[in-house]
């Protein structure tokens, strides 16, 4: 486990410096607008870096003393600098793999969907699986679920298993179902749904745990494929100013083996000196004994690769109508969603949660519907009562739909709300149709959570959504849905300020992985991970943040991305 170094700084009105004489820095950033995230010094003009650590944050005159003949100097020309963004919820390998897969998110009809798959299949070798895609039927006119018969004749030689944008619903073609041995006689799966036609035949749509029926037939990726996907993912992250991610692993039948292979790939890249992003990795909750058995605890590792966290599932998603609610769906009155296969046996899930917690591991749980969220809050509260208080930093991933009485419990129980603001402007296009106007008042309740003392950790859920933190900040501060129908914000009372959103993407996320001593603010002693923005997001109309770009990304004290139009 890495050693925590505590830097003691005397609180005065002088610039914050650390442990070295001026004139020795490797990198100096000058003439900028530095949002530090540090209450003791909220704004600064310049930064000095030695090796991979920040050594001074001050005005230009003070930082000039640190500039020597070998110092690399970057003139920021008045641009805004923020801590490197920390995405608290990604599926990193899957995101990297998706960059080279069929793109279905932009399709606007079943005809476009079919055409895009046909064009992609023509370029792929016979027998190769076509995966990912991220289609969204809510963007189609009319909005209707696809079926295997829509694509079978244009994908005769390639098994297809492409995901809906939320990752909880998939479409398989006939070839994929045949290879997996799935037909009308296949039994339903606890915690999942096989959608069938009136004759009982699978339509090709599989939801949540039922996805494993097809996933088990997909060949696992090779180590080289995983490494190449991670390299592509970290480049994409750098382009968006993301210097740290909290990897929630690979979902599905091959999830654990591929997640373990990805962690091995991170280690390989780290040894090669090619890992240019900080990873906090999660394994499935049921694997807690694997971690505990070798003595791994929360915050185990070094400043580039951190282990010691596990993740569970309580339910599915709103888009797939598998989020678990107390009341039925407005547009599907016979269903209230489903508990996950893990939560179907609540006592067994509790035993796993308690075992992981007693082993010193951090626990995160995916919960979307209001019933799922309350159930997990209840289990967390029960666990603390039985085992006593300590710094657990329990997390709920998504915390999407909350009843008003449960919102204060996040602060009271010190449960981190690990949330993804982009989903608000995406799902906000159609959420009212799914659950009605009253229930959406507790959807993505960022303002209420903050006001009730909760810690927000922002992320993207990439590959499900774009990784861009700037789009996330735009979403949280405007809540303007992607369809343009809510210019003043969808559920506008839940907007938060740009600075609050920025803090959730930096200090909040660092706290969520026990790493606030290393990153999340720009101050002496912290890692030199920085993002330089094309516009000052703290002093423009929040609606304009949508068009702001990352000009420069610095990781470990080195420039890892520079926009082509970045002014010199």
Protein backbone atom coordinates (compact mmCIF):
# COMPACT_ATOMS: atom_id res chain seq x y z
CA UNK A 1 0.00 0.00 0.00
CA UNK A 2 1.34 3.41 -0.85
CA UNK A 3 2.55 5.67 1.93
CA UNK A 4 0.47 8.74 2.65
CA UNK A 5 2.63 11.87 2.82
CA UNK A 6 1.21 14.74 4.80
CA UNK A 7 2.40 18.24 3.88
CA UNK A 8 1.91 20.81 6.63
CA UNK A 9 1.22 24.29 5.27
CA UNK A 10 1.07 27.38 7.47
CA UNK A 11 -2.15 29.29 6.78
CA UNK A 12 -1.10 32.83 5.83
CA UNK A 13 -1.79 35.23 3.02
CA UNK A 14 1.45 34.21 1.30
CA UNK A 15 1.49 31.84 -1.68
CA UNK A 16 1.35 28.12 -0.92
CA UNK A 17 4.75 26.50 -1.50
CA UNK A 18 6.44 23.26 -0.55
CA UNK A 19 9.79 21.88 0.38
CA UNK A 20 12.15 23.08 -2.39
CA UNK A 21 13.97 26.28 -3.21
CA UNK A 22 12.58 28.37 -6.06
CA UNK A 23 14.43 27.99 -9.35
CA UNK A 24 14.25 24.22 -9.56
CA UNK A 25 10.88 23.35 -11.10
CA UNK A 26 10.44 21.12 -14.14
CA UNK A 27 7.21 22.71 -15.38
CA UNK A 28 5.65 26.14 -14.85
CA UNK A 29 2.19 27.20 -15.94
CA UNK A 30 1.83 30.98 -15.89
CA UNK A 31 -0.70 33.75 -16.62
CA UNK A 32 -3.75 31.56 -16.06
CA UNK A 33 -6.95 31.47 -14.03
CA UNK A 34 -6.41 28.57 -11.66
CA UNK A 35 -9.42 27.14 -9.83
CA UNK A 36 -7.67 25.22 -7.10
CA UNK A 37 -10.59 23.63 -5.27
CA UNK A 38 -8.65 24.54 -2.11
CA UNK A 39 -10.69 26.75 0.24
CA UNK A 40 -7.49 28.21 1.68
CA UNK A 41 -6.55 29.61 -1.74
CA UNK A 42 -9.48 29.35 -4.18
CA UNK A 43 -7.83 31.17 -7.11
CA UNK A 44 -4.27 31.56 -8.36
CA UNK A 45 -2.41 32.65 -11.49
CA UNK A 46 0.40 30.15 -11.85
CA UNK A 47 1.62 26.68 -10.86
CA UNK A 48 5.07 25.12 -10.43
CA UNK A 49 5.62 21.38 -10.81
CA UNK A 50 8.56 19.18 -9.90
CA UNK A 51 8.54 15.66 -11.28
CA UNK A 52 4.90 14.61 -10.84
CA UNK A 53 3.96 16.86 -7.90
CA UNK A 54 2.71 20.38 -7.56
CA UNK A 55 5.22 22.39 -5.52
CA UNK A 56 3.80 25.91 -5.66
CA UNK A 57 0.51 27.65 -6.47
CA UNK A 58 0.75 31.43 -6.52
CA UNK A 59 0.89 34.61 -8.60
CA UNK A 60 3.21 34.96 -11.58
CA UNK A 61 5.87 36.88 -9.67
CA UNK A 62 6.30 34.10 -7.15
CA UNK A 63 6.25 31.26 -9.67
CA UNK A 64 8.79 33.13 -11.83
CA UNK A 65 11.32 32.46 -9.09
CA UNK A 66 10.93 28.74 -9.77
CA UNK A 67 11.74 29.03 -13.47
CA UNK A 68 15.22 27.90 -14.45
CA UNK A 69 17.00 27.17 -17.73
CA UNK A 70 15.57 23.64 -17.91
CA UNK A 71 12.01 24.55 -16.91
CA UNK A 72 9.27 23.96 -19.45
CA UNK A 73 7.07 27.06 -19.36
CA UNK A 74 3.47 27.07 -20.59
CA UNK A 75 1.85 30.46 -21.02
CA UNK A 76 -1.84 29.88 -20.34
CA UNK A 77 -2.82 33.24 -21.86
CA UNK A 78 -5.58 33.73 -19.31
CA UNK A 79 -7.21 30.35 -19.74
CA UNK A 80 -8.96 28.47 -16.97
CA UNK A 81 -7.09 25.63 -15.25
CA UNK A 82 -8.82 23.01 -13.12
CA UNK A 83 -7.67 19.78 -11.45
CA UNK A 84 -7.57 16.83 -13.82
CA UNK A 85 -11.09 15.44 -13.99
CA UNK A 86 -11.76 12.23 -12.07
CA UNK A 87 -14.56 10.15 -13.58
CA UNK A 88 -16.12 8.24 -10.69
CA UNK A 89 -17.93 5.66 -12.83
CA UNK A 90 -16.70 4.20 -16.11
CA UNK A 91 -16.41 0.82 -17.81
CA UNK A 92 -12.96 1.53 -19.15
CA UNK A 93 -12.06 -1.53 -21.21
CA UNK A 94 -15.56 -1.71 -22.68
CA UNK A 95 -15.36 1.98 -23.55
CA UNK A 96 -12.05 1.51 -25.31
CA UNK A 97 -13.37 -1.50 -27.22
CA UNK A 98 -16.45 0.48 -28.26
CA UNK A 99 -14.32 3.07 -30.06
CA UNK A 100 -13.76 0.63 -32.93
CA UNK A 101 -17.21 -0.97 -32.95
CA UNK A 102 -20.39 -0.22 -34.87
CA UNK A 103 -21.85 3.19 -33.98
CA UNK A 104 -25.61 3.05 -33.49
CA UNK A 105 -26.23 5.89 -31.05
CA UNK A 106 -26.83 8.42 -33.84
CA UNK A 107 -29.41 6.32 -35.73
CA UNK A 108 -32.88 7.89 -35.79
CA UNK A 109 -35.09 5.04 -37.06
CA UNK A 110 -35.17 1.27 -37.37
CA UNK A 111 -34.25 1.73 -41.04
CA UNK A 112 -31.09 3.68 -40.14
CA UNK A 113 -30.28 1.10 -37.46
CA UNK A 114 -30.56 -1.73 -39.96
CA UNK A 115 -28.54 0.16 -42.56
CA UNK A 116 -25.72 0.95 -40.11
CA UNK A 117 -25.42 -2.69 -39.07
CA UNK A 118 -25.49 -3.84 -42.68
CA UNK A 119 -22.69 -1.46 -43.66
CA UNK A 120 -20.56 -2.48 -40.67
CA UNK A 121 -21.10 -6.21 -41.27
CA UNK A 122 -19.91 -5.88 -44.88
CA UNK A 123 -16.50 -4.74 -43.56
CA UNK A 124 -16.05 -7.50 -40.98
CA UNK A 125 -14.65 -11.01 -41.46
CA UNK A 126 -17.14 -13.84 -41.60
CA UNK A 127 -17.86 -15.22 -38.14
CA UNK A 128 -16.67 -12.15 -36.20
CA UNK A 129 -19.06 -11.01 -33.47
CA UNK A 130 -20.55 -7.53 -33.82
CA UNK A 131 -20.84 -5.99 -30.35
CA UNK A 132 -21.52 -2.76 -28.44
CA UNK A 133 -23.32 -0.18 -30.63
CA UNK A 134 -25.28 1.76 -27.96
CA UNK A 135 -28.58 2.15 -29.83
CA UNK A 136 -31.45 4.09 -28.29
CA UNK A 137 -34.96 3.39 -29.51
CA UNK A 138 -36.19 6.53 -27.74
CA UNK A 139 -34.35 8.51 -30.43
CA UNK A 140 -36.20 6.70 -33.22
CA UNK A 141 -39.38 7.71 -34.98
CA UNK A 142 -41.42 5.82 -34.06
CA UNK A 143 -39.86 4.66 -30.77
CA UNK A 144 -40.02 0.85 -30.90
CA UNK A 145 -37.78 -2.00 -29.88
CA UNK A 146 -35.85 -3.71 -32.70
CA UNK A 147 -36.10 -7.44 -33.32
CA UNK A 148 -33.73 -10.01 -34.76
CA UNK A 149 -35.85 -10.25 -37.92
CA UNK A 150 -35.01 -6.61 -38.65
CA UNK A 151 -31.30 -7.44 -39.10
CA UNK A 152 -30.98 -11.17 -39.80
CA UNK A 153 -30.80 -10.86 -43.59
CA UNK A 154 -28.12 -8.13 -43.49
CA UNK A 155 -25.95 -9.94 -40.91
CA UNK A 156 -26.15 -13.58 -42.06
CA UNK A 157 -22.47 -14.37 -41.43
CA UNK A 158 -21.84 -12.40 -38.24
CA UNK A 159 -23.38 -13.05 -34.84
CA UNK A 160 -24.74 -9.77 -33.49
CA UNK A 161 -25.22 -8.77 -29.86
CA UNK A 162 -25.52 -5.00 -29.64
CA UNK A 163 -26.44 -3.06 -26.53
CA UNK A 164 -28.98 -0.37 -25.85
CA UNK A 165 -27.36 2.88 -24.69
CA UNK A 166 -27.89 2.01 -21.00
CA UNK A 167 -26.16 -1.36 -21.29
CA UNK A 168 -29.07 -3.21 -19.67
CA UNK A 169 -30.86 -4.33 -22.83
CA UNK A 170 -29.35 -6.08 -25.85
CA UNK A 171 -30.41 -7.20 -29.32
CA UNK A 172 -29.19 -10.55 -30.69
CA UNK A 173 -29.63 -11.73 -34.25
CA UNK A 174 -30.74 -15.25 -35.08
CA UNK A 175 -27.17 -16.45 -35.63
CA UNK A 176 -26.09 -15.27 -32.17
CA UNK A 177 -29.07 -16.97 -30.53
CA UNK A 178 -28.36 -20.16 -32.46
CA UNK A 179 -24.70 -20.19 -31.38
CA UNK A 180 -25.79 -19.63 -27.77
CA UNK A 181 -28.42 -22.37 -27.96
CA UNK A 182 -31.28 -20.00 -27.17
CA UNK A 183 -34.75 -20.70 -28.56
CA UNK A 184 -38.41 -20.76 -27.49
CA UNK A 185 -37.65 -23.54 -25.01
CA UNK A 186 -35.05 -21.49 -23.16
CA UNK A 187 -36.26 -20.76 -19.65
CA UNK A 188 -36.42 -17.26 -18.22
CA UNK A 189 -33.53 -16.13 -16.04
CA UNK A 190 -33.98 -14.81 -12.49
CA UNK A 191 -33.21 -11.09 -12.53
CA UNK A 192 -33.60 -10.89 -16.30
CA UNK A 193 -36.14 -10.84 -19.12
CA UNK A 194 -36.26 -12.64 -22.46
CA UNK A 195 -38.68 -10.63 -24.58
CA UNK A 196 -40.91 -12.97 -26.60
CA UNK A 197 -43.45 -12.60 -29.37
CA UNK A 198 -47.06 -13.78 -29.07
CA UNK A 199 -46.00 -17.29 -30.07
CA UNK A 200 -43.39 -17.45 -27.30
CA UNK A 201 -40.35 -17.07 -29.54
CA UNK A 202 -37.48 -14.78 -28.45
CA UNK A 203 -37.62 -11.49 -30.35
CA UNK A 204 -33.87 -11.01 -29.90
CA UNK A 205 -34.23 -8.56 -26.99
CA UNK A 206 -32.60 -9.64 -23.73
CA UNK A 207 -32.64 -7.63 -20.50
CA UNK A 208 -30.21 -7.59 -17.56
CA UNK A 209 -29.39 -11.11 -16.26
CA UNK A 210 -30.87 -12.67 -19.42
CA UNK A 211 -28.01 -11.09 -21.37
CA UNK A 212 -25.72 -13.78 -20.00
CA UNK A 213 -27.51 -16.37 -22.14
CA UNK A 214 -25.87 -14.87 -25.22
CA UNK A 215 -22.72 -13.47 -23.62
CA UNK A 216 -21.52 -16.94 -22.64
CA UNK A 217 -21.11 -17.76 -26.34
CA UNK A 218 -18.94 -14.72 -27.14
CA UNK A 219 -15.21 -15.52 -27.36
CA UNK A 220 -13.16 -13.69 -24.71
CA UNK A 221 -10.87 -10.89 -25.92
CA UNK A 222 -7.15 -11.58 -26.15
CA UNK A 223 -4.68 -9.81 -23.89
CA UNK A 224 -3.46 -7.74 -26.83
CA UNK A 225 -7.03 -6.72 -27.68
CA UNK A 226 -7.56 -5.60 -24.09
CA UNK A 227 -4.31 -3.63 -24.03
CA UNK A 228 -5.13 -1.90 -27.31
CA UNK A 229 -8.61 -1.03 -26.03
CA UNK A 230 -7.16 0.46 -22.84
CA UNK A 231 -4.63 2.51 -24.81
CA UNK A 232 -7.45 3.86 -26.99
CA UNK A 233 -9.54 4.56 -23.90
CA UNK A 234 -6.81 6.52 -22.12
CA UNK A 235 -6.20 8.64 -25.21
CA UNK A 236 -9.92 9.43 -25.42
CA UNK A 237 -9.92 10.25 -21.70
CA UNK A 238 -6.94 12.60 -22.11
CA UNK A 239 -8.72 14.42 -24.94
CA UNK A 240 -11.48 15.17 -22.43
CA UNK A 241 -9.24 16.26 -19.55
CA UNK A 242 -9.82 13.04 -17.59
CA UNK A 243 -6.73 11.96 -15.65
CA UNK A 244 -8.36 9.48 -13.23
CA UNK A 245 -11.15 6.95 -13.62
CA UNK A 246 -12.95 4.59 -11.29
CA UNK A 247 -13.44 1.46 -13.34
CA UNK A 248 -16.62 -0.45 -12.55
CA UNK A 249 -15.48 -3.44 -14.59
CA UNK A 250 -17.06 -5.46 -17.36
CA UNK A 251 -20.70 -6.46 -17.02
CA UNK A 252 -22.08 -9.81 -18.17
CA UNK A 253 -21.20 -13.49 -18.35
CA UNK A 254 -17.55 -12.77 -19.22
CA UNK A 255 -17.41 -9.84 -16.80
CA UNK A 256 -15.15 -11.26 -14.11
CA UNK A 257 -12.53 -12.90 -16.38
CA UNK A 258 -12.34 -9.81 -18.59
CA UNK A 259 -12.21 -7.47 -15.59
CA UNK A 260 -9.33 -9.49 -14.14
CA UNK A 261 -7.61 -9.48 -17.53
CA UNK A 262 -8.04 -5.70 -17.71
CA UNK A 263 -6.44 -5.29 -14.27
CA UNK A 264 -3.55 -7.43 -15.50
CA UNK A 265 -3.31 -5.21 -18.60
CA UNK A 266 -3.17 -2.11 -16.38
CA UNK A 267 -0.22 -3.67 -14.57
CA UNK A 268 1.53 -4.51 -17.85
CA UNK A 269 1.10 -0.95 -19.11
CA UNK A 270 2.24 0.43 -15.75
CA UNK A 271 5.42 -1.65 -15.92
CA UNK A 272 6.02 -0.50 -19.50
CA UNK A 273 5.55 3.13 -18.50
CA UNK A 274 2.54 3.40 -20.83
CA UNK A 275 -0.24 3.84 -18.28
CA UNK A 276 -1.17 7.51 -18.53
CA UNK A 277 -4.30 7.49 -16.44
CA UNK A 278 -5.00 6.66 -12.80
CA UNK A 279 -7.25 3.66 -12.23
CA UNK A 280 -9.34 2.73 -9.20
CA UNK A 281 -10.65 -0.71 -10.12
CA UNK A 282 -13.69 -2.56 -8.80
CA UNK A 283 -14.42 -6.29 -8.77
CA UNK A 284 -17.91 -7.81 -8.39
CA UNK A 285 -19.18 -7.98 -4.81
CA UNK A 286 -19.34 -11.78 -4.89
CA UNK A 287 -15.56 -11.81 -5.37
CA UNK A 288 -14.86 -10.10 -2.04
CA UNK A 289 -13.23 -13.23 -0.64
CA UNK A 290 -10.72 -13.24 -3.51
CA UNK A 291 -9.52 -9.77 -2.48
CA UNK A 292 -9.76 -10.34 1.27
CA UNK A 293 -7.91 -13.63 1.04
CA UNK A 294 -4.72 -11.94 -0.15
CA UNK A 295 -4.98 -9.05 2.28
CA UNK A 296 -6.26 -6.37 -0.08
CA UNK A 297 -8.16 -3.56 1.60
CA UNK A 298 -9.73 -0.29 0.46
CA UNK A 299 -7.20 2.09 -1.13
CA UNK A 300 -4.67 -0.68 -1.83
CA UNK A 301 -2.06 0.05 -4.48
CA UNK A 302 -0.15 3.08 -5.66
CA UNK A 303 -1.01 6.44 -7.20
CA UNK A 304 -1.68 4.89 -10.62
CA UNK A 305 -3.49 1.65 -9.81
CA UNK A 306 -5.78 1.37 -6.81
CA UNK A 307 -7.69 -1.75 -5.73
CA UNK A 308 -9.82 -2.69 -2.76
CA UNK A 309 -13.35 -1.89 -3.94
CA UNK A 310 -16.26 -4.12 -4.93
CA UNK A 311 -19.49 -3.40 -6.77
CA UNK A 312 -22.94 -4.96 -6.54
CA UNK A 313 -26.18 -4.57 -8.50
CA UNK A 314 -29.61 -3.92 -7.02
CA UNK A 315 -31.65 -3.58 -10.23
CA UNK A 316 -31.54 -2.71 -13.94
CA UNK A 317 -32.21 0.58 -15.74
CA UNK A 318 -35.04 2.99 -16.50
CA UNK A 319 -34.57 2.77 -20.26
CA UNK A 320 -34.95 -0.99 -20.20
CA UNK A 321 -37.88 -0.79 -17.73
CA UNK A 322 -35.94 -2.98 -15.30
CA UNK A 323 -35.25 -0.33 -12.64
CA UNK A 324 -37.01 -1.49 -9.46
CA UNK A 325 -39.78 0.82 -8.20
CA UNK A 326 -42.40 0.72 -5.48
CA UNK A 327 -45.10 1.62 -8.00
CA UNK A 328 -45.69 0.29 -11.54
CA UNK A 329 -44.34 2.01 -14.62
CA UNK A 330 -46.71 4.57 -16.07
CA UNK A 331 -46.23 3.17 -19.57
CA UNK A 332 -46.17 -0.49 -18.40
CA UNK A 333 -48.68 -0.72 -15.54
CA UNK A 334 -48.19 -4.46 -15.07
CA UNK A 335 -44.53 -4.05 -14.13
CA UNK A 336 -42.59 -2.27 -11.37
CA UNK A 337 -39.23 -3.44 -12.71
CA UNK A 338 -37.08 -6.20 -11.25
CA UNK A 339 -34.55 -6.69 -8.51
CA UNK A 340 -31.16 -7.88 -9.72
CA UNK A 341 -30.22 -11.54 -9.50
CA UNK A 342 -27.98 -10.56 -6.56
CA UNK A 343 -30.78 -8.85 -4.64
CA UNK A 344 -33.35 -11.59 -5.19
CA UNK A 345 -31.83 -13.24 -2.12
CA UNK A 346 -31.55 -10.16 0.08
CA UNK A 347 -30.03 -11.99 3.04
CA UNK A 348 -27.29 -13.54 0.91
CA UNK A 349 -26.50 -10.14 -0.57
CA UNK A 350 -26.34 -8.72 2.94
CA UNK A 351 -23.94 -11.47 4.01
CA UNK A 352 -21.69 -10.58 1.07
CA UNK A 353 -21.90 -6.86 1.87
CA UNK A 354 -21.05 -7.51 5.49
CA UNK A 355 -18.23 -9.89 4.62
CA UNK A 356 -16.67 -7.35 2.26
CA UNK A 357 -17.08 -4.57 4.79
CA UNK A 358 -15.58 -6.59 7.65
CA UNK A 359 -12.63 -7.40 5.38
CA UNK A 360 -11.99 -3.66 5.01
CA UNK A 361 -13.13 -3.41 1.39
CA UNK A 362 -15.13 -0.49 0.02
CA UNK A 363 -18.61 -1.31 -1.26
CA UNK A 364 -20.46 0.34 -4.16
CA UNK A 365 -23.94 -0.71 -5.33
CA UNK A 366 -25.77 0.09 -8.56
CA UNK A 367 -29.31 1.27 -7.73
CA UNK A 368 -31.68 3.06 -10.13
CA UNK A 369 -35.30 2.72 -8.98
CA UNK A 370 -36.63 4.16 -5.73
CA UNK A 371 -37.23 0.71 -4.22
CA UNK A 372 -33.72 -0.43 -5.13
CA UNK A 373 -32.20 2.69 -3.57
CA UNK A 374 -34.16 2.36 -0.35
CA UNK A 375 -33.32 -1.31 -0.05
CA UNK A 376 -29.59 -0.63 -0.37
CA UNK A 377 -29.75 2.29 2.08
CA UNK A 378 -31.51 -0.05 4.51
CA UNK A 379 -28.80 -2.70 4.10
CA UNK A 380 -26.03 -0.15 4.57
CA UNK A 381 -27.72 1.24 7.68
CA UNK A 382 -28.23 -2.24 9.11
CA UNK A 383 -24.59 -3.08 8.51
CA UNK A 384 -23.33 0.00 10.32
CA UNK A 385 -25.64 -0.64 13.28
CA UNK A 386 -24.40 -4.22 13.58
CA UNK A 387 -20.69 -3.57 13.04
CA UNK A 388 -20.31 -0.04 14.34
CA UNK A 389 -19.26 3.24 12.70
CA UNK A 390 -16.03 3.74 10.74
CA UNK A 391 -14.88 5.50 7.59
CA UNK A 392 -16.52 3.10 5.09
CA UNK A 393 -17.47 5.50 2.30
CA UNK A 394 -20.31 3.31 1.08
CA UNK A 395 -21.40 4.30 -2.41
CA UNK A 396 -24.60 4.08 -4.40
CA UNK A 397 -23.91 4.16 -8.11
CA UNK A 398 -26.48 6.23 -10.05
CA UNK A 399 -28.82 6.94 -7.08
CA UNK A 400 -31.20 7.86 -9.87
CA UNK A 401 -34.76 7.85 -8.55
CA UNK A 402 -35.20 8.70 -4.89
CA UNK A 403 -38.21 9.17 -2.68
CA UNK A 404 -38.04 12.43 -0.72
CA UNK A 405 -37.68 10.63 2.62
CA UNK A 406 -34.56 8.79 1.43
CA UNK A 407 -32.60 11.83 0.24
CA UNK A 408 -31.48 12.95 3.75
CA UNK A 409 -30.28 9.42 4.49
CA UNK A 410 -27.31 9.82 2.12
CA UNK A 411 -25.87 12.57 4.30
CA UNK A 412 -26.90 10.96 7.58
CA UNK A 413 -25.41 7.58 6.67
CA UNK A 414 -22.42 9.16 4.85
CA UNK A 415 -23.29 7.29 1.67
CA UNK A 416 -21.62 8.77 -1.41
CA UNK A 417 -23.99 9.49 -4.29
CA UNK A 418 -21.92 8.44 -7.31
CA UNK A 419 -24.00 9.99 -10.07
CA UNK A 420 -23.76 10.70 -13.79
CA UNK A 421 -25.30 14.05 -14.73
CA UNK A 422 -25.31 13.46 -18.50
CA UNK A 423 -28.02 10.84 -17.95
CA UNK A 424 -30.34 13.60 -16.71
CA UNK A 425 -30.37 15.42 -20.04
CA UNK A 426 -30.58 12.16 -21.95
CA UNK A 427 -33.25 10.29 -19.96
CA UNK A 428 -35.10 13.57 -19.34
CA UNK A 429 -36.42 13.35 -22.91
CA UNK A 430 -38.71 10.44 -22.02
CA UNK A 431 -38.54 9.70 -18.26
CA UNK A 432 -41.93 11.37 -17.61
CA UNK A 433 -43.53 8.85 -19.95
CA UNK A 434 -41.99 5.96 -18.02
CA UNK A 435 -42.77 6.96 -14.44
CA UNK A 436 -44.94 10.08 -14.51
CA UNK A 437 -44.42 13.70 -13.51
CA UNK A 438 -44.51 13.18 -9.74
CA UNK A 439 -41.82 10.52 -9.53
CA UNK A 440 -39.39 12.43 -11.74
CA UNK A 441 -39.21 15.14 -9.07
CA UNK A 442 -36.82 12.83 -7.22
CA UNK A 443 -34.79 11.95 -10.31
CA UNK A 444 -31.11 12.94 -10.44
CA UNK A 445 -31.78 15.03 -7.33
CA UNK A 446 -28.37 16.72 -7.19
CA UNK A 447 -29.54 19.92 -5.49
CA UNK A 448 -31.49 18.10 -2.80
CA UNK A 449 -28.67 15.64 -2.14
CA UNK A 450 -26.15 18.46 -1.68
CA UNK A 451 -28.51 20.48 0.48
CA UNK A 452 -29.03 17.43 2.71
CA UNK A 453 -25.30 16.95 3.26
CA UNK A 454 -24.48 14.23 0.75
CA UNK A 455 -21.15 13.94 -1.03
CA UNK A 456 -21.57 13.93 -4.82
CA UNK A 457 -19.02 12.11 -6.96
CA UNK A 458 -19.61 12.78 -10.65
CA UNK A 459 -18.88 10.40 -13.48
CA UNK A 460 -20.02 9.59 -16.99
CA UNK A 461 -20.91 5.88 -17.08
CA UNK A 462 -18.87 5.67 -20.29
CA UNK A 463 -19.27 3.60 -22.51
CA UNK A 464 -22.99 4.13 -21.83
CA UNK A 465 -22.60 7.93 -22.17
CA UNK A 466 -19.87 10.26 -23.46
CA UNK A 467 -16.91 10.53 -21.10
CA UNK A 468 -16.77 14.35 -21.34
CA UNK A 469 -16.85 15.97 -17.87
CA UNK A 470 -17.63 19.31 -19.50
CA UNK A 471 -20.88 17.85 -20.86
CA UNK A 472 -21.55 16.50 -17.37
CA UNK A 473 -21.02 19.93 -15.81
CA UNK A 474 -23.25 21.46 -18.48
CA UNK A 475 -25.92 18.85 -17.72
CA UNK A 476 -25.81 19.35 -13.95
CA UNK A 477 -25.93 23.14 -14.14
CA UNK A 478 -28.54 23.53 -16.91
CA UNK A 479 -30.51 20.25 -17.08
CA UNK A 480 -31.34 21.16 -20.70
CA UNK A 481 -32.40 17.90 -22.35
CA UNK A 482 -30.82 16.72 -25.60
CA UNK A 483 -34.05 17.22 -27.52
CA UNK A 484 -34.09 20.96 -26.77
CA UNK A 485 -37.53 20.77 -25.16
CA UNK A 486 -36.44 22.01 -21.72
CA UNK A 487 -34.40 25.18 -22.29
CA UNK A 488 -34.86 26.21 -18.65
CA UNK A 489 -34.04 22.74 -17.39
CA UNK A 490 -35.83 19.47 -16.81
CA UNK A 491 -36.79 19.33 -13.11
CA UNK A 492 -34.99 22.70 -12.87
CA UNK A 493 -35.14 22.85 -9.07
CA UNK A 494 -32.42 20.17 -9.07
CA UNK A 495 -29.84 22.29 -10.89
CA UNK A 496 -26.56 22.92 -9.12
CA UNK A 497 -23.92 25.60 -9.74
CA UNK A 498 -21.02 25.14 -12.12
CA UNK A 499 -18.57 25.27 -9.21
CA UNK A 500 -20.52 22.62 -7.30
CA UNK A 501 -20.47 20.40 -10.39
CA UNK A 502 -16.75 21.01 -10.89
CA UNK A 503 -16.11 20.07 -7.27
CA UNK A 504 -18.10 16.84 -7.71
CA UNK A 505 -15.89 15.93 -10.70
CA UNK A 506 -12.67 16.55 -8.75
CA UNK A 507 -12.68 16.64 -4.95
CA UNK A 508 -15.87 14.58 -4.66
CA UNK A 509 -14.57 11.85 -6.91
CA UNK A 510 -11.19 11.79 -5.15
CA UNK A 511 -12.94 11.39 -1.80
CA UNK A 512 -15.08 8.58 -3.23
CA UNK A 513 -11.97 6.44 -3.81
CA UNK A 514 -10.10 7.37 -0.59
CA UNK A 515 -7.60 9.42 -2.63
CA UNK A 516 -8.28 13.01 -1.57
CA UNK A 517 -4.75 13.16 -0.13
CA UNK A 518 -3.35 12.65 -3.64
CA UNK A 519 -5.62 14.57 -6.00
CA UNK A 520 -8.82 16.53 -6.50
CA UNK A 521 -7.36 19.96 -5.76
CA UNK A 522 -4.48 22.07 -7.06
CA UNK A 523 -2.23 22.57 -4.08
CA UNK A 524 1.35 21.75 -3.06
CA UNK A 525 1.98 18.08 -2.53
CA UNK A 526 -0.82 16.89 -4.81
CA UNK A 527 -0.22 15.04 -8.06
CA UNK A 528 0.35 17.28 -11.07
CA UNK A 529 -2.79 16.29 -13.01
CA UNK A 530 -4.38 19.33 -14.65
CA UNK A 531 -6.84 20.31 -17.36
CA UNK A 532 -6.67 23.60 -19.27
CA UNK A 533 -9.99 24.67 -20.79
CA UNK A 534 -10.79 26.70 -23.89
CA UNK A 535 -13.21 28.93 -21.93
CA UNK A 536 -13.63 30.05 -18.35
CA UNK A 537 -16.56 27.86 -17.36
CA UNK A 538 -16.91 29.66 -14.03
CA UNK A 539 -17.59 33.01 -15.70
CA UNK A 540 -19.69 32.21 -18.77
CA UNK A 541 -23.33 31.32 -19.23
CA UNK A 542 -23.60 27.65 -18.17
CA UNK A 543 -25.42 26.99 -21.45
CA UNK A 544 -22.15 27.79 -23.26
CA UNK A 545 -20.22 25.08 -21.43
CA UNK A 546 -21.61 22.61 -23.96
CA UNK A 547 -19.25 24.17 -26.52
CA UNK A 548 -16.18 24.39 -24.27
CA UNK A 549 -13.26 22.11 -25.08
CA UNK A 550 -10.17 20.82 -23.32
CA UNK A 551 -7.12 22.66 -24.66
CA UNK A 552 -4.44 20.83 -22.69
CA UNK A 553 -4.25 17.82 -20.38
CA UNK A 554 -1.32 17.32 -18.01
CA UNK A 555 -0.84 13.96 -16.33
CA UNK A 556 1.93 13.21 -13.85
CA UNK A 557 3.51 16.57 -14.67
CA UNK A 558 3.66 15.94 -18.43
CA UNK A 559 1.49 17.09 -21.31
CA UNK A 560 -0.42 14.07 -22.63
CA UNK A 561 -2.89 15.92 -24.85
CA UNK A 562 -2.89 19.22 -26.67
CA UNK A 563 -5.74 20.36 -28.91
CA UNK A 564 -4.74 21.15 -32.48
CA UNK A 565 -6.25 24.63 -32.21
CA UNK A 566 -4.61 25.32 -28.84
CA UNK A 567 -3.17 28.87 -29.04
CA UNK A 568 0.59 28.99 -28.42
